Amino acid sequence: MKLQITAVCAGLVLTGCGGGAAPVAAPSSTSPSPSASSTAPSATPTPTPTPSPKTTFKVGQTYKGPEVNVTVQQIVVNKRDSSDQLYSGALVKTCVHTTPPEYKNGFWLGWGPWALYDADGGRYPDNGTVYGSSPRPIYPNGEQDGIFKEGECAKGWMFFDVPSGTKIVSARYQAEGMVDAITWRR
C-alpha cells in the first residue's frame, strides 16, 4: 500500500494509514488462579482506557503522533505574491520520528488529505498548483517528491483555491482511513 503523509498522520499525515495508530496489545493478566483454599474472591484489575489523542490545535502548535510530528505554522488567505497574484496557503512542517515495519521504505508526503475550512464548514481542497512567484519552500506533493524516513523532515507551502471574501478558520488533515481529522485553528 502506498502511504502519503501530507503533514500529519501516522495519525495525521499518512494517507492510507488507517488512523495511523500502531496496534496496541491488550494487557495480559499475570494474577495467579484462585486456589481451592482461597475464601476471598480475587480482584480483577480494571484496564485504564487509553485517552484519545488531541485532534485540535492552534496554528503554531504541534501534533505529536505515533510516527510523525506536524505543525501548521501559518495559514494565509488571498495574499499577494511577488508578482501580485493572489494565493491562499498553509505552511506545514512534518517530521518522521518512527517508521513502523509496514512502512519500512518511509512515508509519502502530499497535499491531498489537506483542506482549508470556513466558519460554515465550507471545504477548500488543495489546488496542486505552484507558480514561479508562489512562496517558497514548497511542501512535497506525492511521488515526485520522494519518501521521508525516520529522522527526516519536510517543510513548505501548499496552496488552496479560496474565493475572495471567504473567512478561513482552520486547516484540516484527514487521510483515507483516519477516524478523526486533525485540525489547526487560526
C-alpha atoms as a PDB file:
ATOM      1  CA  MET A   1       0.000   0.000   0.000  1.00  0.00           C
ATOM      2  CA  LYS A   2       1.360   3.443  -0.863  1.00  0.00           C
ATOM      3  CA  LEU A   3       1.357   5.815   2.101  1.00  0.00           C
ATOM      4  CA  GLN A   4       1.045   9.538   1.667  1.00  0.00           C
ATOM      5  CA  ILE A   5       1.937  11.636   4.675  1.00  0.00           C
ATOM      6  CA  THR A   6       0.867  15.118   3.972  1.00  0.00           C
ATOM      7  CA  ALA A   7       1.706  16.673   7.061  1.00  0.00           C
ATOM      8  CA  VAL A   8       0.328  14.850   9.819  1.00  0.00           C
ATOM      9  CA  CYS A   9      -0.595  11.325  10.381  1.00  0.00           C
ATOM     10  CA  ALA A  10       0.639   8.149  11.214  1.00  0.00           C
ATOM     11  CA  GLY A  11      -2.201   9.596  12.974  1.00  0.00           C
ATOM     12  CA  LEU A  12      -2.172  12.627  10.813  1.00  0.00           C
ATOM     13  CA  VAL A  13      -0.074  12.797   7.787  1.00  0.00           C
ATOM     14  CA  LEU A  14      -0.133   9.402   6.302  1.00  0.00           C
ATOM     15  CA  THR A  15      -2.539   8.753   3.511  1.00  0.00           C
ATOM     16  CA  GLY A  16      -3.996   5.344   3.845  1.00  0.00           C
ATOM     17  CA  CYS A  17      -2.593   4.949   7.304  1.00  0.00           C
ATOM     18  CA  GLY A  18      -5.794   3.573   8.737  1.00  0.00           C
ATOM     19  CA  GLY A  19      -5.774   6.081  11.543  1.00  0.00           C
ATOM     20  CA  GLY A  20      -2.060   5.957  11.991  1.00  0.00           C
ATOM     21  CA  ALA A  21      -2.016   4.443  15.431  1.00  0.00           C
ATOM     22  CA  ALA A  22       0.135   1.388  15.879  1.00  0.00           C
ATOM     23  CA  PRO A  23      -1.702  -1.649  17.202  1.00  0.00           C
ATOM     24  CA  VAL A  24      -1.557  -1.954  20.954  1.00  0.00           C
ATOM     25  CA  ALA A  25      -1.591  -5.367  22.594  1.00  0.00           C
ATOM     26  CA  ALA A  26      -4.176  -5.910  25.291  1.00  0.00           C
ATOM     27  CA  PRO A  27      -2.648  -6.062  28.758  1.00  0.00           C
ATOM     28  CA  SER A  28      -2.158  -9.600  29.980  1.00  0.00           C
ATOM     29  CA  SER A  29      -3.085 -10.638  33.452  1.00  0.00           C
ATOM     30  CA  THR A  30      -0.411 -12.336  35.492  1.00  0.00           C
ATOM     31  CA  SER A  31      -2.646 -12.900  38.509  1.00  0.00           C
ATOM     32  CA  PRO A  32      -2.462 -16.418  39.873  1.00  0.00           C
ATOM     33  CA  SER A  33      -5.519 -18.626  39.537  1.00  0.00           C
ATOM     34  CA  PRO A  34      -7.655 -18.725  42.669  1.00  0.00           C
ATOM     35  CA  SER A  35      -6.817 -21.752  44.777  1.00  0.00           C
ATOM     36  CA  ALA A  36      -9.351 -24.100  46.233  1.00  0.00           C
ATOM     37  CA  SER A  37      -8.385 -22.999  49.758  1.00  0.00           C
ATOM     38  CA  SER A  38      -8.941 -19.318  48.996  1.00  0.00           C
ATOM     39  CA  THR A  39     -12.056 -17.906  50.623  1.00  0.00           C
ATOM     40  CA  ALA A  40     -11.828 -14.307  49.332  1.00  0.00           C
ATOM     41  CA  PRO A  41     -12.687 -13.551  45.708  1.00  0.00           C
ATOM     42  CA  SER A  42      -9.727 -12.330  43.683  1.00  0.00           C
ATOM     43  CA  ALA A  43      -9.919  -8.820  42.287  1.00  0.00           C
ATOM     44  CA  THR A  44      -9.544  -8.457  38.547  1.00  0.00           C
ATOM     45  CA  PRO A  45      -7.731  -5.239  37.635  1.00  0.00           C
ATOM     46  CA  THR A  46      -9.768  -2.869  35.508  1.00  0.00           C
ATOM     47  CA  PRO A  47      -7.783  -1.715  32.472  1.00  0.00           C
ATOM     48  CA  THR A  48      -7.269   2.032  32.238  1.00  0.00           C
ATOM     49  CA  PRO A  49      -8.754   3.350  28.994  1.00  0.00           C
ATOM     50  CA  THR A  50      -6.287   4.939  26.623  1.00  0.00           C
ATOM     51  CA  PRO A  51      -7.140   8.621  26.191  1.00  0.00           C
ATOM     52  CA  SER A  52      -7.972   9.768  22.679  1.00  0.00           C
ATOM     53  CA  PRO A  53      -5.178  11.800  21.135  1.00  0.00           C
ATOM     54  CA  LYS A  54      -5.697  15.537  20.891  1.00  0.00           C
ATOM     55  CA  THR A  55      -7.023  16.422  17.438  1.00  0.00           C
ATOM     56  CA  THR A  56      -7.500  20.216  17.549  1.00  0.00           C
ATOM     57  CA  PHE A  57      -4.623  22.682  17.744  1.00  0.00           C
ATOM     58  CA  LYS A  58      -3.908  26.375  17.273  1.00  0.00           C
ATOM     59  CA  VAL A  59      -1.769  27.404  14.312  1.00  0.00           C
ATOM     60  CA  GLY A  60       1.814  27.073  15.516  1.00  0.00           C
ATOM     61  CA  GLN A  61       1.133  24.108  17.809  1.00  0.00           C
ATOM     62  CA  THR A  62       2.457  20.640  17.020  1.00  0.00           C
ATOM     63  CA  TYR A  63       0.504  17.428  16.635  1.00  0.00           C
ATOM     64  CA  LYS A  64       2.675  14.676  18.151  1.00  0.00           C
ATOM     65  CA  GLY A  65       1.560  11.446  16.561  1.00  0.00           C
ATOM     66  CA  PRO A  66       2.861   7.919  16.919  1.00  0.00           C
ATOM     67  CA  GLU A  67       5.006   8.208  13.770  1.00  0.00           C
ATOM     68  CA  VAL A  68       5.151  11.909  12.881  1.00  0.00           C
ATOM     69  CA  ASN A  69       5.021  15.381  14.372  1.00  0.00           C
ATOM     70  CA  VAL A  70       3.186  18.004  12.298  1.00  0.00           C
ATOM     71  CA  THR A  71       2.899  21.756  12.720  1.00  0.00           C
ATOM     72  CA  VAL A  72       0.803  24.146  10.661  1.00  0.00           C
ATOM     73  CA  GLN A  73       2.986  27.241  11.015  1.00  0.00           C
ATOM     74  CA  GLN A  74       0.868  29.705   9.007  1.00  0.00           C
ATOM     75  CA  ILE A  75      -2.418  29.973   7.136  1.00  0.00           C
ATOM     76  CA  VAL A  76      -2.790  32.835   4.661  1.00  0.00           C
ATOM     77  CA  VAL A  77      -5.853  33.712   2.611  1.00  0.00           C
ATOM     78  CA  ASN A  78      -5.830  35.758  -0.585  1.00  0.00           C
ATOM     79  CA  LYS A  79      -2.399  37.238  -0.010  1.00  0.00           C
ATOM     80  CA  ARG A  80      -0.398  38.768  -2.868  1.00  0.00           C
ATOM     81  CA  ASP A  81       2.772  37.009  -4.021  1.00  0.00           C
ATOM     82  CA  SER A  82       5.858  38.630  -5.555  1.00  0.00           C
ATOM     83  CA  SER A  83       4.126  39.030  -8.936  1.00  0.00           C
ATOM     84  CA  ASP A  84       0.958  40.495  -7.376  1.00  0.00           C
ATOM     85  CA  GLN A  85      -1.067  37.277  -7.805  1.00  0.00           C
ATOM     86  CA  LEU A  86      -3.429  36.226  -5.006  1.00  0.00           C
ATOM     87  CA  TYR A  87      -2.789  32.946  -3.240  1.00  0.00           C
ATOM     88  CA  SER A  88      -4.110  31.080  -0.201  1.00  0.00           C
ATOM     89  CA  GLY A  89      -1.942  28.541   1.529  1.00  0.00           C
ATOM     90  CA  ALA A  90      -0.704  26.747   4.600  1.00  0.00           C
ATOM     91  CA  LEU A  91       2.922  26.478   5.671  1.00  0.00           C
ATOM     92  CA  VAL A  92       3.358  22.990   7.159  1.00  0.00           C
ATOM     93  CA  LYS A  93       6.273  21.130   8.729  1.00  0.00           C
ATOM     94  CA  THR A  94       6.247  17.334   9.158  1.00  0.00           C
ATOM     95  CA  CYS A  95       8.962  15.287  10.865  1.00  0.00           C
ATOM     96  CA  VAL A  96       9.021  11.493  10.805  1.00  0.00           C
ATOM     97  CA  HIS A  97      10.240  10.131  14.137  1.00  0.00           C
ATOM     98  CA  THR A  98       9.235   6.460  13.845  1.00  0.00           C
ATOM     99  CA  THR A  99       8.883   4.250  10.798  1.00  0.00           C
ATOM    100  CA  PRO A 100       6.722   1.213  11.565  1.00  0.00           C
ATOM    101  CA  PRO A 101       7.679  -2.090   9.878  1.00  0.00           C
ATOM    102  CA  GLU A 102       4.795  -1.893   7.405  1.00  0.00           C
ATOM    103  CA  TYR A 103       6.249   1.418   6.139  1.00  0.00           C
ATOM    104  CA  LYS A 104       9.911   0.400   6.198  1.00  0.00           C
ATOM    105  CA  ASN A 105      10.527   2.375   2.994  1.00  0.00           C
ATOM    106  CA  GLY A 106       9.131   5.568   4.546  1.00  0.00           C
ATOM    107  CA  PHE A 107       6.089   7.790   4.112  1.00  0.00           C
ATOM    108  CA  TRP A 108       4.885   9.659   1.018  1.00  0.00           C
ATOM    109  CA  LEU A 109       4.130  13.303   1.720  1.00  0.00           C
ATOM    110  CA  GLY A 110       1.423  15.133  -0.198  1.00  0.00           C
ATOM    111  CA  TRP A 111      -1.275  17.789  -0.256  1.00  0.00           C
ATOM    112  CA  GLY A 112      -4.260  15.520  -0.971  1.00  0.00           C
ATOM    113  CA  PRO A 113      -5.534  14.929   2.589  1.00  0.00           C
ATOM    114  CA  TRP A 114      -5.399  18.676   3.397  1.00  0.00           C
ATOM    115  CA  ALA A 115      -8.121  21.327   3.100  1.00  0.00           C
ATOM    116  CA  LEU A 116      -8.950  24.766   4.455  1.00  0.00           C
ATOM    117  CA  TYR A 117     -12.364  25.341   6.082  1.00  0.00           C
ATOM    118  CA  ASP A 118     -14.558  28.411   6.560  1.00  0.00           C
ATOM    119  CA  ALA A 119     -16.822  29.142   9.546  1.00  0.00           C
ATOM    120  CA  ASP A 120     -19.826  27.453   7.857  1.00  0.00           C
ATOM    121  CA  GLY A 121     -17.933  24.209   7.216  1.00  0.00           C
ATOM    122  CA  GLY A 122     -17.161  25.059   3.586  1.00  0.00           C
ATOM    123  CA  ARG A 123     -14.227  22.957   2.381  1.00  0.00           C
ATOM    124  CA  TYR A 124     -11.491  24.317   0.112  1.00  0.00           C
ATOM    125  CA  PRO A 125      -9.174  21.481  -1.048  1.00  0.00           C
ATOM    126  CA  ASP A 126      -5.615  21.909  -2.242  1.00  0.00           C
ATOM    127  CA  ASN A 127      -5.273  23.026  -5.832  1.00  0.00           C
ATOM    128  CA  GLY A 128      -1.984  21.251  -6.567  1.00  0.00           C
ATOM    129  CA  THR A 129      -0.724  24.324  -8.393  1.00  0.00           C
ATOM    130  CA  VAL A 130       2.600  26.092  -7.870  1.00  0.00           C
ATOM    131  CA  TYR A 131       3.564  29.189  -9.845  1.00  0.00           C
ATOM    132  CA  GLY A 132       7.007  30.676 -10.304  1.00  0.00           C
ATOM    133  CA  SER A 133       6.025  33.504  -7.962  1.00  0.00           C
ATOM    134  CA  SER A 134       4.497  31.196  -5.293  1.00  0.00           C
ATOM    135  CA  PRO A 135       6.084  31.459  -1.848  1.00  0.00           C
ATOM    136  CA  ARG A 136       8.882  29.032  -1.106  1.00  0.00           C
ATOM    137  CA  PRO A 137       9.671  26.409   0.108  1.00  0.00           C
ATOM    138  CA  ILE A 138       7.023  24.108  -1.398  1.00  0.00           C
ATOM    139  CA  TYR A 139       5.639  21.180   0.624  1.00  0.00           C
ATOM    140  CA  PRO A 140       6.184  17.786  -1.063  1.00  0.00           C
ATOM    141  CA  ASN A 141       3.243  16.622  -3.140  1.00  0.00           C
ATOM    142  CA  GLY A 142       3.372  12.912  -3.784  1.00  0.00           C
ATOM    143  CA  GLU A 143       5.640  10.514  -5.579  1.00  0.00           C
ATOM    144  CA  GLN A 144       7.693  13.088  -7.468  1.00  0.00           C
ATOM    145  CA  ASP A 145       8.967  14.489  -4.150  1.00  0.00           C
ATOM    146  CA  GLY A 146      10.078  11.182  -2.678  1.00  0.00           C
ATOM    147  CA  ILE A 147       9.682   9.342   0.537  1.00  0.00           C
ATOM    148  CA  PHE A 148      10.521  10.573   4.013  1.00  0.00           C
ATOM    149  CA  LYS A 149      12.016   8.246   6.598  1.00  0.00           C
ATOM    150  CA  GLU A 150      12.698   8.255  10.310  1.00  0.00           C
ATOM    151  CA  GLY A 151      14.681  11.356  11.290  1.00  0.00           C
ATOM    152  CA  GLU A 152      13.717  13.356   8.181  1.00  0.00           C
ATOM    153  CA  CYS A 153      11.554  16.490   7.997  1.00  0.00           C
ATOM    154  CA  ALA A 154       9.760  18.385   5.240  1.00  0.00           C
ATOM    155  CA  LYS A 155       8.582  21.993   5.432  1.00  0.00           C
ATOM    156  CA  GLY A 156       6.799  24.040   2.820  1.00  0.00           C
ATOM    157  CA  TRP A 157       3.705  25.739   1.456  1.00  0.00           C
ATOM    158  CA  MET A 158       0.707  24.028  -0.084  1.00  0.00           C
ATOM    159  CA  PHE A 159      -1.933  26.043  -1.932  1.00  0.00           C
ATOM    160  CA  PHE A 160      -5.745  26.149  -1.963  1.00  0.00           C
ATOM    161  CA  ASP A 161      -8.455  27.791  -4.069  1.00  0.00           C
ATOM    162  CA  VAL A 162     -10.318  30.197  -1.784  1.00  0.00           C
ATOM    163  CA  PRO A 163     -12.739  32.791  -3.212  1.00  0.00           C
ATOM    164  CA  SER A 164     -12.186  36.433  -2.263  1.00  0.00           C
ATOM    165  CA  GLY A 165     -14.047  37.445   0.872  1.00  0.00           C
ATOM    166  CA  THR A 166     -14.033  33.933   2.365  1.00  0.00           C
ATOM    167  CA  LYS A 167     -13.097  33.795   6.047  1.00  0.00           C
ATOM    168  CA  ILE A 168     -10.962  30.698   6.583  1.00  0.00           C
ATOM    169  CA  VAL A 169     -10.957  29.480  10.183  1.00  0.00           C
ATOM    170  CA  SER A 170      -8.885  26.281  10.013  1.00  0.00           C
ATOM    171  CA  ALA A 171      -6.650  23.869   8.144  1.00  0.00           C
ATOM    172  CA  ARG A 172      -7.596  20.217   8.407  1.00  0.00           C
ATOM    173  CA  TYR A 173      -5.815  16.954   7.680  1.00  0.00           C
ATOM    174  CA  GLN A 174      -7.668  13.672   7.219  1.00  0.00           C
ATOM    175  CA  ALA A 175      -6.088  10.839   5.296  1.00  0.00           C
ATOM    176  CA  GLU A 176      -8.048   7.884   3.996  1.00  0.00           C
ATOM    177  CA  GLY A 177      -8.857   5.527   6.833  1.00  0.00           C
ATOM    178  CA  MET A 178      -8.389   8.080   9.617  1.00  0.00           C
ATOM    179  CA  VAL A 179     -11.251   8.105  12.118  1.00  0.00           C
ATOM    180  CA  ASP A 180     -10.543  11.640  13.378  1.00  0.00           C
ATOM    181  CA  ALA A 181      -9.260  14.593  11.371  1.00  0.00           C
ATOM    182  CA  ILE A 182      -6.502  16.763  12.798  1.00  0.00           C
ATOM    183  CA  THR A 183      -7.412  20.463  12.787  1.00  0.00           C
ATOM    184  CA  TRP A 184      -5.425  23.677  13.264  1.00  0.00           C
ATOM    185  CA  ARG A 185      -7.499  26.777  14.079  1.00  0.00           C
ATOM    186  CA  ARG A 186      -6.467  30.329  13.278  1.00  0.00           C
END
